[in-house]
Amino acid sequence: MICPSPVLGIETSCDDTAAAVLASDGRVLAEAVLSQADHAAFGGVVPEIAARAHLAHLPGLVDRVMAQAGLGFGDLAAVAASLGPGLIGGLIVGSGFAKGVSLAHRIPYVGVNHLEAHALTARLPSLGLDAAFPYLLLLVSGGHCQCIAVLGVGHHVRLGGTIDDAAGEAFDKVAKLLGLGWPGGPALERLAANGNPRAYAFPRPLLGRKGCDFSFSGLKTAVAQAVAALPPGAIALETAADIAASFQAAVAAVIADRASHAMRMFADEHGAGLLVVAGGVAANAALRTALQAATERAGFRFAAPPLKYCTDNAVMVAWTGIERMRLGRADSMAAAPRPRWPLAELT
């Protein structure tokens, strides 16, 4: 099935409410993201607050992107929405809204796996990343850290993943230890720029170990112990910067090492190719530098979508809808939101 007309994408899997309209060739006709600020006071995302915010803001956001695109709902070829994995309340809001549009205007509905959306973003034609199947994806975010062989639409092989915390979660927890608030990743990176990455000998979990699984819990605990050993009171800025830089260096070394193992595993099956890194943590400059060096050693190409398409967005959802519609993979109204939805269960 060819998708001749625009597709509306909706993303509500966590704390960002997003909508976008894409032409069938991948051109972005309109996009908008509303980041929720209400969670900062709680030091993390509160699912009930997130769901209520999606419910309040999604209709207006969709109206905005449709107006910007100069389209009515009847002009759409399909509507796509994140169906999982993610926070169940937000998934219900977004998928329910999309199903309503589908029923009211008699257009196909596509329930998108949020992880597949990240995986397929690199194929967006306007990015020029030349991501032909197969390629290797490293997804590093607040909720996910895994290496995936992307073999085709609906065909993904998980090579390894975190056995405890995701990388972004570890960044946020260490930032909280240093009094940086939430979300902590960007603030920690800014602080680390003024620190000594060799000031603290933090552990590098699983470094050199066979396979490409990740672990950050022990590293996070080591940072907590270093902070607890400091004199009572506020942490001196120089000390905090050294801790941040040392932690960031450890994370970058671990992820680059695990990615190197994943590239060897991928090359054994498919030959050297492309490593795509996505997810919010992909914005970290130290990590990108380490990964670029690792890909050069492995004979791979390195690619990362622009930051706004690395983090949660609706462009990736709409594009995945287009990719799946081209294969005739629309969904029924019975497709239920799934807070857990491994890529291996896709078709």
C-alpha atoms as a PDB file:
ATOM      1  CA  MET A   1       0.000   0.000   0.000  1.00  0.00           C
ATOM      2  CA  ILE A   2       1.382   3.414  -0.939  1.00  0.00           C
ATOM      3  CA  CYS A   3       0.762   6.312   1.434  1.00  0.00           C
ATOM      4  CA  PRO A   4      -0.119   9.153  -0.995  1.00  0.00           C
ATOM      5  CA  SER A   5      -1.300  11.754   1.521  1.00  0.00           C
ATOM      6  CA  PRO A   6      -0.078  13.278   4.777  1.00  0.00           C
ATOM      7  CA  VAL A   7      -0.010  11.404   8.079  1.00  0.00           C
ATOM      8  CA  LEU A   8      -0.699  12.884  11.509  1.00  0.00           C
ATOM      9  CA  GLY A   9       1.567  11.622  14.290  1.00  0.00           C
ATOM     10  CA  ILE A  10       0.843  11.828  18.029  1.00  0.00           C
ATOM     11  CA  GLU A  11       3.329  11.173  20.842  1.00  0.00           C
ATOM     12  CA  THR A  12       2.249  10.980  24.517  1.00  0.00           C
ATOM     13  CA  SER A  13       4.308   8.108  25.918  1.00  0.00           C
ATOM     14  CA  CYS A  14       5.913  10.051  28.782  1.00  0.00           C
ATOM     15  CA  ASP A  15       5.927  13.750  29.696  1.00  0.00           C
ATOM     16  CA  ASP A  16       6.104  15.417  26.268  1.00  0.00           C
ATOM     17  CA  THR A  17       2.902  16.090  24.347  1.00  0.00           C
ATOM     18  CA  ALA A  18       3.739  16.192  20.637  1.00  0.00           C
ATOM     19  CA  ALA A  19       1.978  16.267  17.274  1.00  0.00           C
ATOM     20  CA  ALA A  20       3.296  16.455  13.717  1.00  0.00           C
ATOM     21  CA  VAL A  21       2.083  16.199  10.142  1.00  0.00           C
ATOM     22  CA  LEU A  22       4.336  14.632   7.505  1.00  0.00           C
ATOM     23  CA  ALA A  23       3.892  14.329   3.761  1.00  0.00           C
ATOM     24  CA  SER A  24       4.177  10.832   2.330  1.00  0.00           C
ATOM     25  CA  ASP A  25       7.747  11.567   1.197  1.00  0.00           C
ATOM     26  CA  GLY A  26       8.756  12.435   4.768  1.00  0.00           C
ATOM     27  CA  ARG A  27       8.648  16.219   4.467  1.00  0.00           C
ATOM     28  CA  VAL A  28       7.682  17.776   7.785  1.00  0.00           C
ATOM     29  CA  LEU A  29       4.644  19.970   7.144  1.00  0.00           C
ATOM     30  CA  ALA A  30       4.138  20.984  10.782  1.00  0.00           C
ATOM     31  CA  GLU A  31       5.334  19.902  14.210  1.00  0.00           C
ATOM     32  CA  ALA A  32       4.973  20.937  17.835  1.00  0.00           C
ATOM     33  CA  VAL A  33       6.154  19.651  21.210  1.00  0.00           C
ATOM     34  CA  LEU A  34       4.881  20.774  24.589  1.00  0.00           C
ATOM     35  CA  SER A  35       7.262  19.830  27.413  1.00  0.00           C
ATOM     36  CA  GLN A  36       5.622  19.526  30.801  1.00  0.00           C
ATOM     37  CA  ALA A  37       7.250  21.595  33.553  1.00  0.00           C
ATOM     38  CA  ASP A  38       5.017  20.410  36.398  1.00  0.00           C
ATOM     39  CA  HIS A  39       7.250  17.457  37.295  1.00  0.00           C
ATOM     40  CA  ALA A  40      10.372  19.390  38.321  1.00  0.00           C
ATOM     41  CA  ALA A  41       9.096  19.935  41.860  1.00  0.00           C
ATOM     42  CA  PHE A  42       8.822  16.163  42.308  1.00  0.00           C
ATOM     43  CA  GLY A  43      12.266  15.292  40.931  1.00  0.00           C
ATOM     44  CA  GLY A  44      10.827  13.086  38.185  1.00  0.00           C
ATOM     45  CA  VAL A  45       7.784  12.361  36.061  1.00  0.00           C
ATOM     46  CA  VAL A  46       4.520  11.782  37.951  1.00  0.00           C
ATOM     47  CA  PRO A  47       2.396   9.542  35.677  1.00  0.00           C
ATOM     48  CA  GLU A  48      -1.001  10.886  36.769  1.00  0.00           C
ATOM     49  CA  ILE A  49       0.068  14.505  36.281  1.00  0.00           C
ATOM     50  CA  ALA A  50       1.536  13.628  32.877  1.00  0.00           C
ATOM     51  CA  ALA A  51      -1.681  11.917  31.707  1.00  0.00           C
ATOM     52  CA  ARG A  52      -3.861  14.830  32.792  1.00  0.00           C
ATOM     53  CA  ALA A  53      -1.576  17.292  31.009  1.00  0.00           C
ATOM     54  CA  HIS A  54      -1.753  15.245  27.797  1.00  0.00           C
ATOM     55  CA  LEU A  55      -5.552  15.227  28.067  1.00  0.00           C
ATOM     56  CA  ALA A  56      -5.639  18.993  28.531  1.00  0.00           C
ATOM     57  CA  HIS A  57      -3.195  19.983  25.807  1.00  0.00           C
ATOM     58  CA  LEU A  58      -3.294  17.362  23.039  1.00  0.00           C
ATOM     59  CA  PRO A  59      -6.473  18.571  21.227  1.00  0.00           C
ATOM     60  CA  GLY A  60      -5.171  22.130  20.942  1.00  0.00           C
ATOM     61  CA  LEU A  61      -1.742  20.938  19.844  1.00  0.00           C
ATOM     62  CA  VAL A  62      -3.233  18.781  17.100  1.00  0.00           C
ATOM     63  CA  ASP A  63      -5.426  21.674  15.929  1.00  0.00           C
ATOM     64  CA  ARG A  64      -2.312  23.847  15.771  1.00  0.00           C
ATOM     65  CA  VAL A  65      -0.240  21.503  13.579  1.00  0.00           C
ATOM     66  CA  MET A  66      -3.175  20.774  11.292  1.00  0.00           C
ATOM     67  CA  ALA A  67      -3.725  24.518  10.815  1.00  0.00           C
ATOM     68  CA  GLN A  68       0.002  25.075  10.192  1.00  0.00           C
ATOM     69  CA  ALA A  69      -0.044  22.316   7.590  1.00  0.00           C
ATOM     70  CA  GLY A  70      -3.158  23.845   5.997  1.00  0.00           C
ATOM     71  CA  LEU A  71      -5.036  20.543   6.195  1.00  0.00           C
ATOM     72  CA  GLY A  72      -8.292  19.129   7.451  1.00  0.00           C
ATOM     73  CA  PHE A  73      -8.570  15.673   8.966  1.00  0.00           C
ATOM     74  CA  GLY A  74     -10.213  14.445   5.794  1.00  0.00           C
ATOM     75  CA  ASP A  75      -7.002  15.207   3.887  1.00  0.00           C
ATOM     76  CA  LEU A  76      -5.011  12.670   5.923  1.00  0.00           C
ATOM     77  CA  ALA A  77      -4.021   9.219   4.707  1.00  0.00           C
ATOM     78  CA  ALA A  78      -3.712   7.956   8.264  1.00  0.00           C
ATOM     79  CA  VAL A  79      -3.255   8.907  11.899  1.00  0.00           C
ATOM     80  CA  ALA A  80      -0.457   7.298  13.930  1.00  0.00           C
ATOM     81  CA  ALA A  81       0.068   7.385  17.688  1.00  0.00           C
ATOM     82  CA  SER A  82       2.472   5.862  20.170  1.00  0.00           C
ATOM     83  CA  LEU A  83       0.812   2.729  21.554  1.00  0.00           C
ATOM     84  CA  GLY A  84       3.702   1.673  23.774  1.00  0.00           C
ATOM     85  CA  PRO A  85       5.972   1.222  25.571  1.00  0.00           C
ATOM     86  CA  GLY A  86       5.515   4.080  28.026  1.00  0.00           C
ATOM     87  CA  LEU A  87       3.319   5.389  30.818  1.00  0.00           C
ATOM     88  CA  ILE A  88      -0.097   3.796  30.428  1.00  0.00           C
ATOM     89  CA  GLY A  89      -2.104   6.965  31.149  1.00  0.00           C
ATOM     90  CA  GLY A  90      -0.405   8.976  28.439  1.00  0.00           C
ATOM     91  CA  LEU A  91      -0.621   6.095  25.964  1.00  0.00           C
ATOM     92  CA  ILE A  92      -4.372   5.824  26.571  1.00  0.00           C
ATOM     93  CA  VAL A  93      -4.836   9.548  25.948  1.00  0.00           C
ATOM     94  CA  GLY A  94      -2.804   9.680  22.733  1.00  0.00           C
ATOM     95  CA  SER A  95      -3.984   6.430  21.182  1.00  0.00           C
ATOM     96  CA  GLY A  96      -7.601   7.133  22.175  1.00  0.00           C
ATOM     97  CA  PHE A  97      -7.484  10.547  20.507  1.00  0.00           C
ATOM     98  CA  ALA A  98      -5.956   9.035  17.358  1.00  0.00           C
ATOM     99  CA  LYS A  99      -8.601   6.316  17.224  1.00  0.00           C
ATOM    100  CA  GLY A 100     -11.287   8.980  17.520  1.00  0.00           C
ATOM    101  CA  VAL A 101      -9.851  10.841  14.525  1.00  0.00           C
ATOM    102  CA  SER A 102      -9.650   7.539  12.627  1.00  0.00           C
ATOM    103  CA  LEU A 103     -13.267   6.624  13.314  1.00  0.00           C
ATOM    104  CA  ALA A 104     -14.690  10.085  12.737  1.00  0.00           C
ATOM    105  CA  HIS A 105     -12.936  10.614   9.410  1.00  0.00           C
ATOM    106  CA  ARG A 106     -12.721   7.000   8.213  1.00  0.00           C
ATOM    107  CA  ILE A 107      -8.967   6.955   7.827  1.00  0.00           C
ATOM    108  CA  PRO A 108      -6.546   4.194   8.896  1.00  0.00           C
ATOM    109  CA  TYR A 109      -5.068   4.118  12.387  1.00  0.00           C
ATOM    110  CA  VAL A 110      -1.500   2.965  13.093  1.00  0.00           C
ATOM    111  CA  GLY A 111      -0.437   2.065  16.624  1.00  0.00           C
ATOM    112  CA  VAL A 112       3.291   2.794  16.760  1.00  0.00           C
ATOM    113  CA  ASN A 113       5.883   1.105  18.932  1.00  0.00           C
ATOM    114  CA  HIS A 114       7.788   4.010  20.495  1.00  0.00           C
ATOM    115  CA  LEU A 115      11.105   2.143  20.255  1.00  0.00           C
ATOM    116  CA  GLU A 116      10.586   1.381  16.578  1.00  0.00           C
ATOM    117  CA  ALA A 117       9.871   5.063  16.021  1.00  0.00           C
ATOM    118  CA  HIS A 118      13.294   5.903  17.444  1.00  0.00           C
ATOM    119  CA  ALA A 119      14.810   3.132  15.342  1.00  0.00           C
ATOM    120  CA  LEU A 120      13.310   4.369  12.067  1.00  0.00           C
ATOM    121  CA  THR A 121      13.943   8.108  12.593  1.00  0.00           C
ATOM    122  CA  ALA A 122      17.322   7.820  10.871  1.00  0.00           C
ATOM    123  CA  ARG A 123      15.487   6.839   7.670  1.00  0.00           C
ATOM    124  CA  LEU A 124      13.665  10.183   7.479  1.00  0.00           C
ATOM    125  CA  PRO A 125      14.725  11.369   3.983  1.00  0.00           C
ATOM    126  CA  SER A 126      15.240  15.008   4.990  1.00  0.00           C
ATOM    127  CA  LEU A 127      18.007  14.011   7.413  1.00  0.00           C
ATOM    128  CA  GLY A 128      20.202  12.581   4.656  1.00  0.00           C
ATOM    129  CA  LEU A 129      21.666   9.869   6.908  1.00  0.00           C
ATOM    130  CA  ASP A 130      21.430   7.157   4.234  1.00  0.00           C
ATOM    131  CA  ALA A 131      20.092   4.623   6.732  1.00  0.00           C
ATOM    132  CA  ALA A 132      19.280   1.692   4.473  1.00  0.00           C
ATOM    133  CA  PHE A 133      18.467  -1.609   6.173  1.00  0.00           C
ATOM    134  CA  PRO A 134      20.221  -3.191   7.974  1.00  0.00           C
ATOM    135  CA  TYR A 135      21.881  -0.859  10.479  1.00  0.00           C
ATOM    136  CA  LEU A 136      22.730  -0.812  14.179  1.00  0.00           C
ATOM    137  CA  LEU A 137      20.860   1.406  16.634  1.00  0.00           C
ATOM    138  CA  LEU A 138      22.146   2.494  20.035  1.00  0.00           C
ATOM    139  CA  LEU A 139      19.178   3.894  21.960  1.00  0.00           C
ATOM    140  CA  VAL A 140      20.206   5.816  25.090  1.00  0.00           C
ATOM    141  CA  SER A 141      17.549   7.733  26.990  1.00  0.00           C
ATOM    142  CA  GLY A 142      15.943   8.151  30.393  1.00  0.00           C
ATOM    143  CA  GLY A 143      13.971   4.938  30.016  1.00  0.00           C
ATOM    144  CA  HIS A 144      15.959   2.828  27.584  1.00  0.00           C
ATOM    145  CA  CYS A 145      19.532   1.749  26.910  1.00  0.00           C
ATOM    146  CA  GLN A 146      19.903  -0.971  24.306  1.00  0.00           C
ATOM    147  CA  CYS A 147      21.632  -2.015  21.103  1.00  0.00           C
ATOM    148  CA  ILE A 148      19.307  -3.085  18.296  1.00  0.00           C
ATOM    149  CA  ALA A 149      19.961  -4.529  14.857  1.00  0.00           C
ATOM    150  CA  VAL A 150      17.392  -2.757  12.658  1.00  0.00           C
ATOM    151  CA  LEU A 151      16.760  -5.213   9.832  1.00  0.00           C
ATOM    152  CA  GLY A 152      13.498  -3.835   8.471  1.00  0.00           C
ATOM    153  CA  VAL A 153      10.138  -2.373   9.431  1.00  0.00           C
ATOM    154  CA  GLY A 154       8.839  -4.620  12.195  1.00  0.00           C
ATOM    155  CA  HIS A 155      12.053  -6.646  12.133  1.00  0.00           C
ATOM    156  CA  HIS A 156      14.464  -5.782  14.940  1.00  0.00           C
ATOM    157  CA  VAL A 157      16.904  -7.905  16.927  1.00  0.00           C
ATOM    158  CA  ARG A 158      17.895  -6.789  20.425  1.00  0.00           C
ATOM    159  CA  LEU A 159      21.613  -7.470  20.857  1.00  0.00           C
ATOM    160  CA  GLY A 160      21.883  -6.204  24.423  1.00  0.00           C
ATOM    161  CA  GLY A 161      20.477  -3.752  26.941  1.00  0.00           C
ATOM    162  CA  THR A 162      20.688  -2.461  30.457  1.00  0.00           C
ATOM    163  CA  ILE A 163      20.303  -4.923  33.295  1.00  0.00           C
ATOM    164  CA  ASP A 164      19.374  -2.158  35.748  1.00  0.00           C
ATOM    165  CA  ASP A 165      19.242   1.625  35.234  1.00  0.00           C
ATOM    166  CA  ALA A 166      19.072   3.326  31.850  1.00  0.00           C
ATOM    167  CA  ALA A 167      21.853   5.817  31.129  1.00  0.00           C
ATOM    168  CA  GLY A 168      19.555   8.835  31.275  1.00  0.00           C
ATOM    169  CA  GLU A 169      18.127   7.661  34.581  1.00  0.00           C
ATOM    170  CA  ALA A 170      21.659   7.441  36.003  1.00  0.00           C
ATOM    171  CA  PHE A 171      22.411  10.978  34.781  1.00  0.00           C
ATOM    172  CA  ASP A 172      19.267  12.300  36.473  1.00  0.00           C
ATOM    173  CA  LYS A 173      20.002  10.513  39.758  1.00  0.00           C
ATOM    174  CA  VAL A 174      23.606  11.744  39.900  1.00  0.00           C
ATOM    175  CA  ALA A 175      22.444  15.260  39.043  1.00  0.00           C
ATOM    176  CA  LYS A 176      20.027  15.073  41.965  1.00  0.00           C
ATOM    177  CA  LEU A 177      22.871  14.001  44.274  1.00  0.00           C
ATOM    178  CA  LEU A 178      24.759  17.110  43.166  1.00  0.00           C
ATOM    179  CA  GLY A 179      21.751  19.365  43.740  1.00  0.00           C
ATOM    180  CA  LEU A 180      21.156  20.093  40.077  1.00  0.00           C
ATOM    181  CA  GLY A 181      17.434  19.367  39.978  1.00  0.00           C
ATOM    182  CA  TRP A 182      15.451  17.629  37.228  1.00  0.00           C
ATOM    183  CA  PRO A 183      15.864  16.919  34.387  1.00  0.00           C
ATOM    184  CA  GLY A 184      19.503  16.614  35.305  1.00  0.00           C
ATOM    185  CA  GLY A 185      21.331  15.409  32.188  1.00  0.00           C
ATOM    186  CA  PRO A 186      21.903  18.772  30.461  1.00  0.00           C
ATOM    187  CA  ALA A 187      22.774  20.513  33.744  1.00  0.00           C
ATOM    188  CA  LEU A 188      25.262  17.795  34.655  1.00  0.00           C
ATOM    189  CA  GLU A 189      26.950  18.083  31.257  1.00  0.00           C
ATOM    190  CA  ARG A 190      27.313  21.848  31.687  1.00  0.00           C
ATOM    191  CA  LEU A 191      28.811  21.372  35.163  1.00  0.00           C
ATOM    192  CA  ALA A 192      31.164  18.633  33.930  1.00  0.00           C
ATOM    193  CA  ALA A 193      32.646  21.018  31.360  1.00  0.00           C
ATOM    194  CA  ASN A 194      34.465  22.760  34.237  1.00  0.00           C
ATOM    195  CA  GLY A 195      35.602  19.588  36.010  1.00  0.00           C
ATOM    196  CA  ASN A 196      38.474  17.099  35.887  1.00  0.00           C
ATOM    197  CA  PRO A 197      37.284  13.773  34.411  1.00  0.00           C
ATOM    198  CA  ARG A 198      40.164  11.971  36.166  1.00  0.00           C
ATOM    199  CA  ALA A 199      39.547  13.390  39.634  1.00  0.00           C
ATOM    200  CA  TYR A 200      37.529  10.339  40.746  1.00  0.00           C
ATOM    201  CA  ALA A 201      38.227   6.747  39.718  1.00  0.00           C
ATOM    202  CA  PHE A 202      34.614   5.685  39.323  1.00  0.00           C
ATOM    203  CA  PRO A 203      33.976   2.098  38.159  1.00  0.00           C
ATOM    204  CA  ARG A 204      33.253   1.187  34.540  1.00  0.00           C
ATOM    205  CA  PRO A 205      30.663  -1.602  34.889  1.00  0.00           C
ATOM    206  CA  LEU A 206      30.952  -4.492  32.382  1.00  0.00           C
ATOM    207  CA  LEU A 207      33.839  -2.767  30.570  1.00  0.00           C
ATOM    208  CA  GLY A 208      35.457  -5.328  28.257  1.00  0.00           C
ATOM    209  CA  ARG A 209      32.864  -7.984  29.106  1.00  0.00           C
ATOM    210  CA  LYS A 210      31.537 -10.195  26.336  1.00  0.00           C
ATOM    211  CA  GLY A 211      28.301  -9.025  24.731  1.00  0.00           C
ATOM    212  CA  CYS A 212      26.740  -5.578  24.797  1.00  0.00           C
ATOM    213  CA  ASP A 213      24.655  -5.423  27.970  1.00  0.00           C
ATOM    214  CA  PHE A 214      24.885  -2.302  30.142  1.00  0.00           C
ATOM    215  CA  SER A 215      24.866  -1.621  33.886  1.00  0.00           C
ATOM    216  CA  PHE A 216      24.839   1.758  35.601  1.00  0.00           C
ATOM    217  CA  SER A 217      23.544   0.969  39.077  1.00  0.00           C
ATOM    218  CA  GLY A 218      26.991   0.312  40.572  1.00  0.00           C
ATOM    219  CA  LEU A 219      28.398   3.480  39.036  1.00  0.00           C
ATOM    220  CA  LYS A 220      25.516   5.494  40.457  1.00  0.00           C
ATOM    221  CA  THR A 221      26.146   3.933  43.892  1.00  0.00           C
ATOM    222  CA  ALA A 222      29.856   4.799  43.700  1.00  0.00           C
ATOM    223  CA  VAL A 223      28.969   8.439  43.029  1.00  0.00           C
ATOM    224  CA  ALA A 224      26.531   8.416  45.958  1.00  0.00           C
ATOM    225  CA  GLN A 225      29.278   7.076  48.230  1.00  0.00           C
ATOM    226  CA  ALA A 226      31.717   9.757  47.027  1.00  0.00           C
ATOM    227  CA  VAL A 227      29.149  12.465  47.770  1.00  0.00           C
ATOM    228  CA  ALA A 228      28.364  10.968  51.195  1.00  0.00           C
ATOM    229  CA  ALA A 229      32.074  11.039  52.093  1.00  0.00           C
ATOM    230  CA  LEU A 230      32.283  14.805  51.598  1.00  0.00           C
ATOM    231  CA  PRO A 231      32.147  17.193  54.579  1.00  0.00           C
ATOM    232  CA  PRO A 232      28.597  18.120  55.637  1.00  0.00           C
ATOM    233  CA  GLY A 233      27.014  21.099  53.917  1.00  0.00           C
ATOM    234  CA  ALA A 234      26.794  22.305  50.375  1.00  0.00           C
ATOM    235  CA  ILE A 235      29.157  20.655  47.900  1.00  0.00           C
ATOM    236  CA  ALA A 236      31.858  23.028  46.671  1.00  0.00           C
ATOM    237  CA  LEU A 237      31.356  23.940  43.004  1.00  0.00           C
ATOM    238  CA  GLU A 238      34.805  22.686  42.004  1.00  0.00           C
ATOM    239  CA  THR A 239      34.226  19.347  43.719  1.00  0.00           C
ATOM    240  CA  ALA A 240      30.795  18.966  42.152  1.00  0.00           C
ATOM    241  CA  ALA A 241      32.274  19.695  38.725  1.00  0.00           C
ATOM    242  CA  ASP A 242      34.974  17.048  39.239  1.00  0.00           C
ATOM    243  CA  ILE A 243      32.370  14.466  40.292  1.00  0.00           C
ATOM    244  CA  ALA A 244      30.176  15.313  37.306  1.00  0.00           C
ATOM    245  CA  ALA A 245      33.095  15.129  34.865  1.00  0.00           C
ATOM    246  CA  SER A 246      34.361  11.842  36.300  1.00  0.00           C
ATOM    247  CA  PHE A 247      30.884  10.289  36.199  1.00  0.00           C
ATOM    248  CA  GLN A 248      30.293  11.470  32.636  1.00  0.00           C
ATOM    249  CA  ALA A 249      33.669  10.078  31.533  1.00  0.00           C
ATOM    250  CA  ALA A 250      32.813   6.704  33.054  1.00  0.00           C
ATOM    251  CA  VAL A 251      29.435   6.579  31.297  1.00  0.00           C
ATOM    252  CA  ALA A 252      30.966   7.553  27.952  1.00  0.00           C
ATOM    253  CA  ALA A 253      33.678   4.892  28.295  1.00  0.00           C
ATOM    254  CA  VAL A 254      31.165   2.194  29.179  1.00  0.00           C
ATOM    255  CA  ILE A 255      28.726   3.047  26.386  1.00  0.00           C
ATOM    256  CA  ALA A 256      31.501   3.290  23.790  1.00  0.00           C
ATOM    257  CA  ASP A 257      32.877  -0.094  24.903  1.00  0.00           C
ATOM    258  CA  ARG A 258      29.440  -1.751  24.824  1.00  0.00           C
ATOM    259  CA  ALA A 259      28.737  -0.192  21.408  1.00  0.00           C
ATOM    260  CA  SER A 260      32.076  -1.538  20.143  1.00  0.00           C
ATOM    261  CA  HIS A 261      31.026  -5.043  21.151  1.00  0.00           C
ATOM    262  CA  ALA A 262      27.639  -4.517  19.491  1.00  0.00           C
ATOM    263  CA  MET A 263      29.330  -3.414  16.270  1.00  0.00           C
ATOM    264  CA  ARG A 264      31.431  -6.586  16.259  1.00  0.00           C
ATOM    265  CA  MET A 265      28.290  -8.691  16.816  1.00  0.00           C
ATOM    266  CA  PHE A 266      26.465  -6.839  14.035  1.00  0.00           C
ATOM    267  CA  ALA A 267      29.429  -7.083  11.630  1.00  0.00           C
ATOM    268  CA  ASP A 268      29.666 -10.849  12.138  1.00  0.00           C
ATOM    269  CA  GLU A 269      26.157 -11.167  10.687  1.00  0.00           C
ATOM    270  CA  HIS A 270      25.843  -8.235   8.287  1.00  0.00           C
ATOM    271  CA  GLY A 271      29.275  -6.684   7.779  1.00  0.00           C
ATOM    272  CA  ALA A 272      30.387  -3.249   8.936  1.00  0.00           C
ATOM    273  CA  GLY A 273      27.808  -0.560   8.323  1.00  0.00           C
ATOM    274  CA  LEU A 274      26.059   2.290  10.104  1.00  0.00           C
ATOM    275  CA  LEU A 275      25.723   2.987  13.830  1.00  0.00           C
ATOM    276  CA  VAL A 276      22.815   5.310  14.634  1.00  0.00           C
ATOM    277  CA  VAL A 277      22.589   6.771  18.126  1.00  0.00           C
ATOM    278  CA  ALA A 278      19.276   8.171  19.354  1.00  0.00           C
ATOM    279  CA  GLY A 279      17.563   9.110  22.604  1.00  0.00           C
ATOM    280  CA  GLY A 280      17.983  12.126  24.846  1.00  0.00           C
ATOM    281  CA  VAL A 281      21.420  11.081  26.121  1.00  0.00           C
ATOM    282  CA  ALA A 282      22.648  11.113  22.501  1.00  0.00           C
ATOM    283  CA  ALA A 283      22.874  14.899  22.889  1.00  0.00           C
ATOM    284  CA  ASN A 284      25.799  14.547  25.307  1.00  0.00           C
ATOM    285  CA  ALA A 285      28.950  15.803  23.574  1.00  0.00           C
ATOM    286  CA  ALA A 286      31.371  13.580  25.530  1.00  0.00           C
ATOM    287  CA  LEU A 287      29.340  10.519  24.596  1.00  0.00           C
ATOM    288  CA  ARG A 288      29.193  11.480  20.933  1.00  0.00           C
ATOM    289  CA  THR A 289      32.955  12.004  20.841  1.00  0.00           C
ATOM    290  CA  ALA A 290      33.580   8.572  22.386  1.00  0.00           C
ATOM    291  CA  LEU A 291      31.129   6.884  20.011  1.00  0.00           C
ATOM    292  CA  GLN A 292      32.562   8.568  16.932  1.00  0.00           C
ATOM    293  CA  ALA A 293      36.022   7.289  17.872  1.00  0.00           C
ATOM    294  CA  ALA A 294      34.613   3.783  18.464  1.00  0.00           C
ATOM    295  CA  THR A 295      32.869   3.708  15.080  1.00  0.00           C
ATOM    296  CA  GLU A 296      36.042   4.801  13.299  1.00  0.00           C
ATOM    297  CA  ARG A 297      37.982   1.973  14.942  1.00  0.00           C
ATOM    298  CA  ALA A 298      35.291  -0.512  13.954  1.00  0.00           C
ATOM    299  CA  GLY A 299      35.028   0.720  10.371  1.00  0.00           C
ATOM    300  CA  PHE A 300      31.423   1.863  10.839  1.00  0.00           C
ATOM    301  CA  ARG A 301      29.768   5.125   9.878  1.00  0.00           C
ATOM    302  CA  PHE A 302      28.362   7.213  12.741  1.00  0.00           C
ATOM    303  CA  ALA A 303      25.069   9.061  12.522  1.00  0.00           C
ATOM    304  CA  ALA A 304      22.774  10.828  14.957  1.00  0.00           C
ATOM    305  CA  PRO A 305      19.507  12.587  14.130  1.00  0.00           C
ATOM    306  CA  PRO A 306      19.250  16.237  15.226  1.00  0.00           C
ATOM    307  CA  LEU A 307      18.604  16.571  18.933  1.00  0.00           C
ATOM    308  CA  LYS A 308      14.912  17.437  18.504  1.00  0.00           C
ATOM    309  CA  TYR A 309      14.427  14.089  16.772  1.00  0.00           C
ATOM    310  CA  CYS A 310      16.567  12.146  19.261  1.00  0.00           C
ATOM    311  CA  THR A 311      14.257  12.998  22.141  1.00  0.00           C
ATOM    312  CA  ASP A 312      10.550  12.091  22.156  1.00  0.00           C
ATOM    313  CA  ASN A 313       8.736  13.729  19.248  1.00  0.00           C
ATOM    314  CA  ALA A 314       5.797  13.153  16.928  1.00  0.00           C
ATOM    315  CA  VAL A 315       7.761  13.402  13.681  1.00  0.00           C
ATOM    316  CA  MET A 316       9.235   9.962  14.358  1.00  0.00           C
ATOM    317  CA  VAL A 317       5.754   8.595  15.102  1.00  0.00           C
ATOM    318  CA  ALA A 318       4.285   9.981  11.877  1.00  0.00           C
ATOM    319  CA  TRP A 319       7.253   8.685   9.859  1.00  0.00           C
ATOM    320  CA  THR A 320       6.873   5.214  11.368  1.00  0.00           C
ATOM    321  CA  GLY A 321       3.194   5.391  10.449  1.00  0.00           C
ATOM    322  CA  ILE A 322       4.201   6.121   6.845  1.00  0.00           C
ATOM    323  CA  GLU A 323       6.721   3.266   6.801  1.00  0.00           C
ATOM    324  CA  ARG A 324       4.143   0.822   8.166  1.00  0.00           C
ATOM    325  CA  MET A 325       1.331   2.037   5.895  1.00  0.00           C
ATOM    326  CA  ARG A 326       3.554   1.434   2.878  1.00  0.00           C
ATOM    327  CA  LEU A 327       3.536  -2.222   3.913  1.00  0.00           C
ATOM    328  CA  GLY A 328      -0.196  -2.253   4.567  1.00  0.00           C
ATOM    329  CA  ARG A 329       0.200  -2.493   8.341  1.00  0.00           C
ATOM    330  CA  ALA A 330      -2.661  -0.442   9.720  1.00  0.00           C
ATOM    331  CA  ASP A 331      -4.187  -1.427  13.067  1.00  0.00           C
ATOM    332  CA  SER A 332      -7.673  -2.097  14.363  1.00  0.00           C
ATOM    333  CA  MET A 333      -9.497  -0.179  17.070  1.00  0.00           C
ATOM    334  CA  ALA A 334      -8.890  -3.226  19.297  1.00  0.00           C
ATOM    335  CA  ALA A 335      -5.140  -2.528  19.480  1.00  0.00           C
ATOM    336  CA  ALA A 336      -4.567  -1.806  23.178  1.00  0.00           C
ATOM    337  CA  PRO A 337      -1.913   0.455  24.735  1.00  0.00           C
ATOM    338  CA  ARG A 338       1.063  -1.517  26.025  1.00  0.00           C
ATOM    339  CA  PRO A 339       3.254  -0.086  28.798  1.00  0.00           C
ATOM    340  CA  ARG A 340       5.749  -2.838  27.932  1.00  0.00           C
ATOM    341  CA  TRP A 341       6.201  -3.749  24.287  1.00  0.00           C
ATOM    342  CA  PRO A 342       9.496  -5.411  23.277  1.00  0.00           C
ATOM    343  CA  LEU A 343      10.578  -4.849  19.697  1.00  0.00           C
ATOM    344  CA  ALA A 344      10.848  -8.610  19.276  1.00  0.00           C
ATOM    345  CA  GLU A 345       7.041  -8.791  19.431  1.00  0.00           C
ATOM    346  CA  LEU A 346       6.582  -6.513  16.416  1.00  0.00           C
ATOM    347  CA  THR A 347       5.600  -7.741  12.958  1.00  0.00           C
END
